[in-house]
Amino acid sequence: RQGSPLSTPSGARDGPPSLTAPLPTVAILAVQQGLIQQPSSDPARKVVWCRDVLSLVDRAQQLRNNTNPTSTAPVVGPAQIDDPELQKLVNVAIPVLLQISQHPQGPIPPHVAEAIYMRAMCASTGIYPQFIPHDPRTAFREFERAAKAGHHAAWFKLGREYENFGDMQ
């Protein structure tokens, strides 16, 4: 009996690509860290790496607080990171994110808009107070900036913020 074509690794079969992707792990991100820290590294790739690091922290916080790990609602308050290797990654990711999100006036590239959005998420939740202070007003302005630069998730977050303040228009 042959196995299902979906159970075969995507590289071992012909046809459309898999609809799933492996989640990043601390080990994989630690290996990539050296490349990310090089000044010549692609800034768009740096943003993806930072997003992966922050998503690991978000998942860990949701599991720690016994909330739904697939929830889109961010955990509010400082992160409690028990894994020292993950903390090292965060200590690299947030400064990289802050550097990329400091974009001068003018057209904002998509990867910078995403970096601004992630910085706003950090400010709105206060998850990394040692790097980004908890400041909902600044976060709102950053969400607006990211949205106007074309980052679609920021539009959604802005809508949620307006709903939270009872401004349905």
C-alpha atoms as a PDB file:
ATOM      1  CA  ARG A   1       0.000   0.000   0.000  1.00  0.00           C
ATOM      2  CA  GLN A   2       1.360   3.389  -0.916  1.00  0.00           C
ATOM      3  CA  GLY A   3       1.309   6.348   1.473  1.00  0.00           C
ATOM      4  CA  SER A   4      -0.678   9.447   0.827  1.00  0.00           C
ATOM      5  CA  PRO A   5       1.038  11.974  -1.439  1.00  0.00           C
ATOM      6  CA  LEU A   6       0.428  14.555   1.285  1.00  0.00           C
ATOM      7  CA  SER A   7       2.439  12.526   3.794  1.00  0.00           C
ATOM      8  CA  THR A   8       5.490  12.559   1.530  1.00  0.00           C
ATOM      9  CA  PRO A   9       7.978  15.381   2.144  1.00  0.00           C
ATOM     10  CA  SER A  10       7.387  18.165  -0.389  1.00  0.00           C
ATOM     11  CA  GLY A  11      10.934  17.917  -1.766  1.00  0.00           C
ATOM     12  CA  ALA A  12      10.447  14.210  -2.490  1.00  0.00           C
ATOM     13  CA  ARG A  13       7.460  14.553  -4.798  1.00  0.00           C
ATOM     14  CA  ASP A  14       6.421  16.489  -7.843  1.00  0.00           C
ATOM     15  CA  GLY A  15       3.413  18.733  -7.878  1.00  0.00           C
ATOM     16  CA  PRO A  16       2.202  21.770  -6.040  1.00  0.00           C
ATOM     17  CA  PRO A  17       4.097  22.949  -2.974  1.00  0.00           C
ATOM     18  CA  SER A  18       2.940  22.035   0.490  1.00  0.00           C
ATOM     19  CA  LEU A  19       0.404  24.271   2.190  1.00  0.00           C
ATOM     20  CA  THR A  20       2.268  23.983   5.476  1.00  0.00           C
ATOM     21  CA  ALA A  21       5.606  25.313   6.545  1.00  0.00           C
ATOM     22  CA  PRO A  22       7.719  24.361   9.517  1.00  0.00           C
ATOM     23  CA  LEU A  23       7.574  26.753  12.457  1.00  0.00           C
ATOM     24  CA  PRO A  24      10.836  28.432  13.385  1.00  0.00           C
ATOM     25  CA  THR A  25      12.708  27.031  16.362  1.00  0.00           C
ATOM     26  CA  VAL A  26      15.216  28.592  18.721  1.00  0.00           C
ATOM     27  CA  ALA A  27      17.935  26.378  17.248  1.00  0.00           C
ATOM     28  CA  ILE A  28      17.226  27.429  13.650  1.00  0.00           C
ATOM     29  CA  LEU A  29      17.008  31.115  14.549  1.00  0.00           C
ATOM     30  CA  ALA A  30      20.238  30.885  16.562  1.00  0.00           C
ATOM     31  CA  VAL A  31      22.032  29.500  13.506  1.00  0.00           C
ATOM     32  CA  GLN A  32      20.660  32.349  11.364  1.00  0.00           C
ATOM     33  CA  GLN A  33      21.599  34.994  13.939  1.00  0.00           C
ATOM     34  CA  GLY A  34      25.159  35.390  12.658  1.00  0.00           C
ATOM     35  CA  LEU A  35      23.949  36.198   9.163  1.00  0.00           C
ATOM     36  CA  ILE A  36      21.334  38.630  10.456  1.00  0.00           C
ATOM     37  CA  GLN A  37      23.892  40.619  12.424  1.00  0.00           C
ATOM     38  CA  GLN A  38      26.104  41.279   9.411  1.00  0.00           C
ATOM     39  CA  PRO A  39      25.728  44.850   8.108  1.00  0.00           C
ATOM     40  CA  SER A  40      25.499  43.598   4.522  1.00  0.00           C
ATOM     41  CA  SER A  41      22.551  41.320   5.338  1.00  0.00           C
ATOM     42  CA  ASP A  42      19.294  42.009   3.477  1.00  0.00           C
ATOM     43  CA  PRO A  43      17.115  44.217   5.726  1.00  0.00           C
ATOM     44  CA  ALA A  44      13.941  42.486   4.533  1.00  0.00           C
ATOM     45  CA  ARG A  45      15.411  39.148   5.665  1.00  0.00           C
ATOM     46  CA  LYS A  46      16.310  40.722   9.016  1.00  0.00           C
ATOM     47  CA  VAL A  47      12.681  41.738   9.514  1.00  0.00           C
ATOM     48  CA  VAL A  48      11.503  38.185   8.774  1.00  0.00           C
ATOM     49  CA  TRP A  49      14.010  36.836  11.291  1.00  0.00           C
ATOM     50  CA  CYS A  50      12.853  39.345  13.921  1.00  0.00           C
ATOM     51  CA  ARG A  51       9.216  38.392  13.244  1.00  0.00           C
ATOM     52  CA  ASP A  52      10.096  34.731  13.757  1.00  0.00           C
ATOM     53  CA  VAL A  53      11.853  35.468  17.065  1.00  0.00           C
ATOM     54  CA  LEU A  54       8.964  37.553  18.353  1.00  0.00           C
ATOM     55  CA  SER A  55       6.442  34.926  17.275  1.00  0.00           C
ATOM     56  CA  LEU A  56       8.289  32.325  19.370  1.00  0.00           C
ATOM     57  CA  VAL A  57       8.012  34.613  22.389  1.00  0.00           C
ATOM     58  CA  ASP A  58       4.317  35.272  21.692  1.00  0.00           C
ATOM     59  CA  ARG A  59       3.572  31.542  21.488  1.00  0.00           C
ATOM     60  CA  ALA A  60       5.515  30.880  24.691  1.00  0.00           C
ATOM     61  CA  GLN A  61       3.616  33.666  26.496  1.00  0.00           C
ATOM     62  CA  GLN A  62       0.249  32.364  25.352  1.00  0.00           C
ATOM     63  CA  LEU A  63       1.124  28.842  26.468  1.00  0.00           C
ATOM     64  CA  ARG A  64       2.435  30.166  29.779  1.00  0.00           C
ATOM     65  CA  ASN A  65      -0.822  32.046  30.385  1.00  0.00           C
ATOM     66  CA  ASN A  66      -2.900  29.036  29.296  1.00  0.00           C
ATOM     67  CA  THR A  67      -4.526  30.970  26.487  1.00  0.00           C
ATOM     68  CA  ASN A  68      -5.328  29.789  23.008  1.00  0.00           C
ATOM     69  CA  PRO A  69      -1.983  29.536  21.114  1.00  0.00           C
ATOM     70  CA  THR A  70      -3.766  30.348  17.845  1.00  0.00           C
ATOM     71  CA  SER A  71      -5.321  33.514  19.270  1.00  0.00           C
ATOM     72  CA  THR A  72      -4.442  36.792  17.567  1.00  0.00           C
ATOM     73  CA  ALA A  73      -4.910  38.794  20.772  1.00  0.00           C
ATOM     74  CA  PRO A  74      -1.482  39.784  22.104  1.00  0.00           C
ATOM     75  CA  VAL A  75      -0.519  39.131  25.699  1.00  0.00           C
ATOM     76  CA  VAL A  76      -0.160  42.449  27.562  1.00  0.00           C
ATOM     77  CA  GLY A  77       2.696  43.072  29.978  1.00  0.00           C
ATOM     78  CA  PRO A  78       6.381  42.207  30.137  1.00  0.00           C
ATOM     79  CA  ALA A  79       7.381  38.886  28.619  1.00  0.00           C
ATOM     80  CA  GLN A  80       8.571  36.168  30.954  1.00  0.00           C
ATOM     81  CA  ILE A  81      11.155  34.309  28.907  1.00  0.00           C
ATOM     82  CA  ASP A  82      12.427  31.193  30.670  1.00  0.00           C
ATOM     83  CA  ASP A  83      14.688  29.974  27.859  1.00  0.00           C
ATOM     84  CA  PRO A  84      18.065  31.775  28.010  1.00  0.00           C
ATOM     85  CA  GLU A  85      18.712  31.050  24.320  1.00  0.00           C
ATOM     86  CA  LEU A  86      15.419  32.655  23.334  1.00  0.00           C
ATOM     87  CA  GLN A  87      16.260  35.658  25.531  1.00  0.00           C
ATOM     88  CA  LYS A  88      19.574  36.026  23.649  1.00  0.00           C
ATOM     89  CA  LEU A  89      17.667  36.045  20.357  1.00  0.00           C
ATOM     90  CA  VAL A  90      15.283  38.712  21.673  1.00  0.00           C
ATOM     91  CA  ASN A  91      18.273  40.794  22.803  1.00  0.00           C
ATOM     92  CA  VAL A  92      19.443  40.804  19.177  1.00  0.00           C
ATOM     93  CA  ALA A  93      16.048  41.011  17.447  1.00  0.00           C
ATOM     94  CA  ILE A  94      14.614  44.091  19.166  1.00  0.00           C
ATOM     95  CA  PRO A  95      17.617  46.375  18.485  1.00  0.00           C
ATOM     96  CA  VAL A  96      17.681  45.188  14.854  1.00  0.00           C
ATOM     97  CA  LEU A  97      13.964  45.901  14.606  1.00  0.00           C
ATOM     98  CA  LEU A  98      14.397  49.356  16.131  1.00  0.00           C
ATOM     99  CA  GLN A  99      17.194  50.174  13.723  1.00  0.00           C
ATOM    100  CA  ILE A 100      15.235  49.124  10.630  1.00  0.00           C
ATOM    101  CA  SER A 101      12.067  50.904  11.764  1.00  0.00           C
ATOM    102  CA  GLN A 102      13.902  54.244  12.026  1.00  0.00           C
ATOM    103  CA  HIS A 103      13.198  55.170   8.419  1.00  0.00           C
ATOM    104  CA  PRO A 104      13.629  58.738   7.201  1.00  0.00           C
ATOM    105  CA  GLN A 105      10.750  60.619   5.613  1.00  0.00           C
ATOM    106  CA  GLY A 106       9.689  59.544   2.145  1.00  0.00           C
ATOM    107  CA  PRO A 107       8.379  56.297   0.687  1.00  0.00           C
ATOM    108  CA  ILE A 108       8.552  53.441   3.165  1.00  0.00           C
ATOM    109  CA  PRO A 109       9.541  49.999   1.812  1.00  0.00           C
ATOM    110  CA  PRO A 110       7.306  47.067   2.827  1.00  0.00           C
ATOM    111  CA  HIS A 111       9.877  45.527   5.176  1.00  0.00           C
ATOM    112  CA  VAL A 112      10.246  48.845   7.036  1.00  0.00           C
ATOM    113  CA  ALA A 113       6.450  49.157   7.317  1.00  0.00           C
ATOM    114  CA  GLU A 114       6.386  45.712   8.902  1.00  0.00           C
ATOM    115  CA  ALA A 115       9.197  46.696  11.285  1.00  0.00           C
ATOM    116  CA  ILE A 116       7.224  49.795  12.293  1.00  0.00           C
ATOM    117  CA  TYR A 117       4.160  47.600  12.860  1.00  0.00           C
ATOM    118  CA  MET A 118       6.134  45.197  15.066  1.00  0.00           C
ATOM    119  CA  ARG A 119       7.575  48.124  17.045  1.00  0.00           C
ATOM    120  CA  ALA A 120       4.001  49.402  17.520  1.00  0.00           C
ATOM    121  CA  MET A 121       2.870  45.981  18.726  1.00  0.00           C
ATOM    122  CA  CYS A 122       5.665  46.013  21.300  1.00  0.00           C
ATOM    123  CA  ALA A 123       4.695  49.523  22.439  1.00  0.00           C
ATOM    124  CA  SER A 124       1.002  48.641  22.651  1.00  0.00           C
ATOM    125  CA  THR A 125       1.555  45.560  24.814  1.00  0.00           C
ATOM    126  CA  GLY A 126       4.646  46.557  26.804  1.00  0.00           C
ATOM    127  CA  ILE A 127       6.092  43.111  26.203  1.00  0.00           C
ATOM    128  CA  TYR A 128       9.727  44.305  26.021  1.00  0.00           C
ATOM    129  CA  PRO A 129       9.854  47.316  28.373  1.00  0.00           C
ATOM    130  CA  GLN A 130      13.646  47.202  28.554  1.00  0.00           C
ATOM    131  CA  PHE A 131      13.713  48.117  24.838  1.00  0.00           C
ATOM    132  CA  ILE A 132      10.353  49.726  24.021  1.00  0.00           C
ATOM    133  CA  PRO A 133       8.265  51.376  26.745  1.00  0.00           C
ATOM    134  CA  HIS A 134       4.562  50.606  27.019  1.00  0.00           C
ATOM    135  CA  ASP A 135       2.914  53.552  25.256  1.00  0.00           C
ATOM    136  CA  PRO A 136      -0.483  52.990  23.610  1.00  0.00           C
ATOM    137  CA  ARG A 137      -0.582  56.500  22.097  1.00  0.00           C
ATOM    138  CA  THR A 138       2.754  56.090  20.356  1.00  0.00           C
ATOM    139  CA  ALA A 139       1.695  52.611  19.276  1.00  0.00           C
ATOM    140  CA  PHE A 140      -1.452  54.010  17.676  1.00  0.00           C
ATOM    141  CA  ARG A 141       0.583  56.563  15.676  1.00  0.00           C
ATOM    142  CA  GLU A 142       2.990  53.799  14.619  1.00  0.00           C
ATOM    143  CA  PHE A 143       0.078  51.585  13.514  1.00  0.00           C
ATOM    144  CA  GLU A 144      -1.183  54.500  11.409  1.00  0.00           C
ATOM    145  CA  ARG A 145       2.236  55.021   9.859  1.00  0.00           C
ATOM    146  CA  ALA A 146       2.631  51.318   9.043  1.00  0.00           C
ATOM    147  CA  ALA A 147      -0.900  51.140   7.617  1.00  0.00           C
ATOM    148  CA  LYS A 148      -0.380  54.164   5.384  1.00  0.00           C
ATOM    149  CA  ALA A 149       2.864  52.552   4.197  1.00  0.00           C
ATOM    150  CA  GLY A 150       0.883  49.510   3.056  1.00  0.00           C
ATOM    151  CA  HIS A 151       1.174  47.010   5.903  1.00  0.00           C
ATOM    152  CA  HIS A 152      -2.310  45.472   5.916  1.00  0.00           C
ATOM    153  CA  ALA A 153      -2.181  44.025   9.435  1.00  0.00           C
ATOM    154  CA  ALA A 154      -1.760  47.567  10.734  1.00  0.00           C
ATOM    155  CA  TRP A 155      -5.115  48.572   9.199  1.00  0.00           C
ATOM    156  CA  PHE A 156      -6.751  45.717  11.069  1.00  0.00           C
ATOM    157  CA  LYS A 157      -5.065  46.753  14.325  1.00  0.00           C
ATOM    158  CA  LEU A 158      -6.188  50.355  13.813  1.00  0.00           C
ATOM    159  CA  GLY A 159      -9.760  49.163  13.356  1.00  0.00           C
ATOM    160  CA  ARG A 160      -9.528  47.190  16.582  1.00  0.00           C
ATOM    161  CA  GLU A 161      -8.159  50.217  18.419  1.00  0.00           C
ATOM    162  CA  TYR A 162     -11.055  52.378  17.207  1.00  0.00           C
ATOM    163  CA  GLU A 163     -13.499  49.672  18.313  1.00  0.00           C
ATOM    164  CA  ASN A 164     -11.856  49.540  21.755  1.00  0.00           C
ATOM    165  CA  PHE A 165     -12.491  53.265  22.170  1.00  0.00           C
ATOM    166  CA  GLY A 166     -16.100  52.967  20.989  1.00  0.00           C
ATOM    167  CA  ASP A 167     -15.502  54.838  17.727  1.00  0.00           C
ATOM    168  CA  MET A 168     -17.384  52.624  15.295  1.00  0.00           C
ATOM    169  CA  GLN A 169     -17.323  55.132  12.431  1.00  0.00           C
END
